Amino acid sequence: MMAPVFLIGYMGCGKTTLGEALARQMGLRFIDLDDYIEAQNSMSVAEIFDEKGEQRFREMETEALRDVAAMADVVISCGGGTPCHSNNIALMNEAGTTVWLTTSPECITSRLLLPEQKMKRPKIVHLPDEAVIPLVEKELLARASYYSKCQLQFDSTDIETAEATERTACRLASMLNHKA
């Protein structure tokens, strides 16, 4: 049995894309924490934000994180803000392995501005495109002190094609296996 692997990083850094490939390669189950929260509450994250507010969402997120942190043989893609609230980063570091996925603000922004990505992100959906990179840069700076508490740091830039994602997941799996 393997302790959970938590993928941490800003939205658009590749937590879900890389996480699904990593779980496949390692023979583990993949859980997207936002999807888990939505299933537990029969509401989308956007609806939770709109109807209950960010504070209640963060409480629900920590409850969901405690649930999945108790599981074995899972790769968990966390929301970009998950490590920044309720001492969640300490919970994840105690329960398993935390991996901070890093890439440039420009790369993150180009991914977030894809129409199918932008429309599902409550934080940027109503922003003009040119306002996204300043937001990304500002929030990356504000969150760096939390993200830097991860046990591993990994460059997730090269996931633009299916083949590149598989290669990148293979590198991360190797890194995790050597850590174990």
Protein backbone atom coordinates (compact mmCIF):
# COMPACT_ATOMS: atom_id res chain seq x y z
CA MET A 1 0.00 0.00 0.00
CA MET A 2 1.23 3.43 -0.92
CA ALA A 3 0.48 6.66 0.94
CA PRO A 4 -1.39 9.31 -1.06
CA VAL A 5 0.43 11.50 -3.57
CA PHE A 6 -0.86 15.08 -3.47
CA LEU A 7 -0.30 17.25 -6.55
CA ILE A 8 -0.14 20.91 -5.58
CA GLY A 9 0.17 24.04 -7.68
CA TYR A 10 -1.62 26.93 -9.27
CA MET A 11 -4.62 26.35 -11.53
CA GLY A 12 -3.45 25.45 -15.01
CA CYS A 13 -0.14 23.93 -13.88
CA GLY A 14 -1.29 20.45 -14.97
CA LYS A 15 -2.41 18.76 -11.74
CA THR A 16 -5.33 16.93 -13.38
CA THR A 17 -3.69 16.22 -16.75
CA LEU A 18 -0.47 14.95 -15.21
CA GLY A 19 -2.25 13.36 -12.24
CA GLU A 20 -4.42 11.13 -14.43
CA ALA A 21 -1.37 9.95 -16.41
CA LEU A 22 0.68 9.43 -13.23
CA ALA A 23 -2.07 7.37 -11.59
CA ARG A 24 -2.40 5.21 -14.71
CA GLN A 25 1.34 4.58 -14.88
CA MET A 26 1.64 3.76 -11.18
CA GLY A 27 -1.51 1.63 -11.03
CA LEU A 28 -3.16 4.01 -8.54
CA ARG A 29 -6.58 5.62 -8.39
CA PHE A 30 -6.89 9.28 -9.43
CA ILE A 31 -8.99 11.74 -7.43
CA ASP A 32 -9.55 15.35 -8.39
CA LEU A 33 -10.36 17.06 -5.07
CA ASP A 34 -12.76 19.55 -6.69
CA ASP A 35 -14.65 16.68 -8.38
CA TYR A 36 -14.76 14.86 -5.03
CA ILE A 37 -16.20 17.97 -3.33
CA GLU A 38 -18.78 18.36 -6.10
CA ALA A 39 -19.86 14.71 -5.80
CA GLN A 40 -20.11 14.93 -1.99
CA ASN A 41 -22.22 18.09 -2.14
CA SER A 42 -24.18 17.67 -5.40
CA MET A 43 -23.06 21.16 -6.45
CA SER A 44 -20.33 22.50 -8.69
CA VAL A 45 -17.44 24.39 -7.13
CA ALA A 46 -18.74 27.52 -8.90
CA GLU A 47 -22.20 27.01 -7.34
CA ILE A 48 -20.66 26.48 -3.90
CA PHE A 49 -18.67 29.73 -4.29
CA ASP A 50 -21.78 31.61 -5.51
CA GLU A 51 -24.27 30.23 -2.99
CA LYS A 52 -22.19 29.57 0.11
CA GLY A 53 -19.11 31.76 -0.35
CA GLU A 54 -15.39 31.02 -0.40
CA GLN A 55 -15.14 30.52 3.39
CA ARG A 56 -17.69 27.67 3.36
CA PHE A 57 -16.03 26.19 0.27
CA ARG A 58 -12.67 26.16 2.11
CA GLU A 59 -14.28 24.34 5.06
CA MET A 60 -15.79 21.76 2.69
CA GLU A 61 -12.43 21.44 0.94
CA THR A 62 -10.62 20.67 4.21
CA GLU A 63 -13.26 18.06 5.14
CA ALA A 64 -12.85 16.42 1.71
CA LEU A 65 -9.06 16.58 2.03
CA ARG A 66 -9.21 14.73 5.36
CA ASP A 67 -11.31 12.01 3.66
CA VAL A 68 -8.94 11.46 0.75
CA ALA A 69 -5.80 11.81 2.90
CA ALA A 70 -6.91 8.68 4.74
CA MET A 71 -6.95 6.67 1.50
CA ALA A 72 -4.10 4.57 0.13
CA ASP A 73 -2.96 4.03 -3.46
CA VAL A 74 -4.29 7.37 -4.74
CA VAL A 75 -2.99 10.37 -6.66
CA ILE A 76 -4.91 13.47 -5.59
CA SER A 77 -5.09 16.65 -7.64
CA CYS A 78 -5.70 19.49 -5.17
CA GLY A 79 -7.22 22.88 -5.92
CA GLY A 80 -4.72 25.69 -6.33
CA GLY A 81 -5.73 27.24 -3.01
CA THR A 82 -5.98 23.99 -1.03
CA PRO A 83 -2.50 24.18 0.59
CA CYS A 84 -3.05 27.83 1.60
CA HIS A 85 -5.91 27.26 4.05
CA SER A 86 -6.58 25.52 7.38
CA ASN A 87 -3.01 24.20 7.64
CA ASN A 88 -3.90 21.78 4.82
CA ILE A 89 -0.28 21.60 3.66
CA ALA A 90 0.75 20.09 7.01
CA LEU A 91 -2.10 17.56 6.79
CA MET A 92 -0.96 16.52 3.31
CA ASN A 93 2.73 16.33 4.27
CA GLU A 94 1.85 14.07 7.22
CA ALA A 95 -0.49 11.82 5.21
CA GLY A 96 1.62 11.26 2.10
CA THR A 97 3.89 12.83 -0.47
CA THR A 98 3.32 16.38 -1.68
CA VAL A 99 4.52 17.43 -5.12
CA TRP A 100 4.52 21.08 -6.23
CA LEU A 101 4.00 21.21 -9.99
CA THR A 102 5.75 24.26 -11.40
CA THR A 103 5.73 26.03 -14.73
CA SER A 104 5.99 29.64 -15.87
CA PRO A 105 3.20 32.19 -15.38
CA GLU A 106 3.11 32.54 -19.18
CA CYS A 107 2.56 28.81 -19.66
CA ILE A 108 -0.14 28.75 -16.97
CA THR A 109 -1.88 31.74 -18.54
CA SER A 110 -1.86 30.26 -22.04
CA ARG A 111 -3.51 27.10 -20.66
CA LEU A 112 -6.07 29.06 -18.63
CA LEU A 113 -7.06 31.18 -21.63
CA LEU A 114 -8.17 28.14 -23.62
CA PRO A 115 -11.96 28.71 -23.84
CA GLU A 116 -12.90 25.36 -22.26
CA GLN A 117 -10.53 26.10 -19.37
CA LYS A 118 -11.45 29.73 -18.75
CA MET A 119 -15.21 29.07 -18.58
CA LYS A 120 -14.85 26.52 -15.76
CA ARG A 121 -12.66 28.71 -13.52
CA PRO A 122 -14.76 31.00 -11.28
CA LYS A 123 -11.76 33.18 -10.48
CA ILE A 124 -11.04 34.17 -14.10
CA VAL A 125 -14.20 33.48 -16.10
CA HIS A 126 -15.30 37.14 -16.01
CA LEU A 127 -11.83 38.68 -16.38
CA PRO A 128 -10.61 40.12 -19.68
CA ASP A 129 -7.80 37.95 -21.08
CA GLU A 130 -5.15 40.61 -20.48
CA ALA A 131 -5.99 40.65 -16.74
CA VAL A 132 -5.20 36.94 -16.29
CA ILE A 133 -1.37 37.02 -16.33
CA PRO A 134 -1.14 39.77 -13.66
CA LEU A 135 -3.52 37.73 -11.48
CA VAL A 136 -1.47 34.55 -12.02
CA GLU A 137 1.79 36.35 -11.17
CA LYS A 138 0.30 37.98 -8.06
CA GLU A 139 -1.26 34.77 -6.73
CA LEU A 140 1.81 32.63 -7.48
CA LEU A 141 3.86 35.06 -5.41
CA ALA A 142 1.29 35.04 -2.58
CA ARG A 143 1.07 31.22 -2.55
CA ALA A 144 4.78 30.43 -2.95
CA SER A 145 5.34 30.20 0.81
CA TYR A 146 2.69 27.46 1.03
CA TYR A 147 3.66 25.63 -2.16
CA SER A 148 7.33 25.63 -1.12
CA LYS A 149 6.46 23.44 1.90
CA CYS A 150 5.90 20.52 -0.49
CA GLN A 151 8.31 17.61 -0.20
CA LEU A 152 9.10 17.57 -3.93
CA GLN A 153 9.09 20.16 -6.70
CA PHE A 154 8.50 19.05 -10.29
CA ASP A 155 8.43 20.95 -13.61
CA SER A 156 5.09 20.33 -15.34
CA THR A 157 5.73 22.45 -18.43
CA ASP A 158 5.98 19.56 -20.93
CA ILE A 159 2.39 18.23 -20.98
CA GLU A 160 1.09 19.86 -24.13
CA THR A 161 0.59 16.56 -26.02
CA ALA A 162 -0.51 13.11 -24.89
CA GLU A 163 2.98 11.70 -25.59
CA ALA A 164 4.69 14.51 -23.67
CA THR A 165 2.29 14.02 -20.75
CA GLU A 166 3.09 10.29 -20.61
CA ARG A 167 6.85 11.00 -20.68
CA THR A 168 6.51 13.64 -17.96
CA ALA A 169 4.34 11.31 -15.83
CA CYS A 170 6.97 8.59 -16.25
CA ARG A 171 9.68 10.97 -14.96
CA LEU A 172 7.52 11.91 -11.96
CA ALA A 173 6.68 8.25 -11.23
CA SER A 174 10.40 7.44 -11.26
CA MET A 175 11.07 10.32 -8.87
CA LEU A 176 8.32 9.13 -6.52
CA ASN A 177 9.50 5.50 -6.64
CA HIS A 178 13.02 6.59 -5.71
CA LYS A 179 11.67 8.63 -2.80
CA ALA A 180 9.71 5.66 -1.43
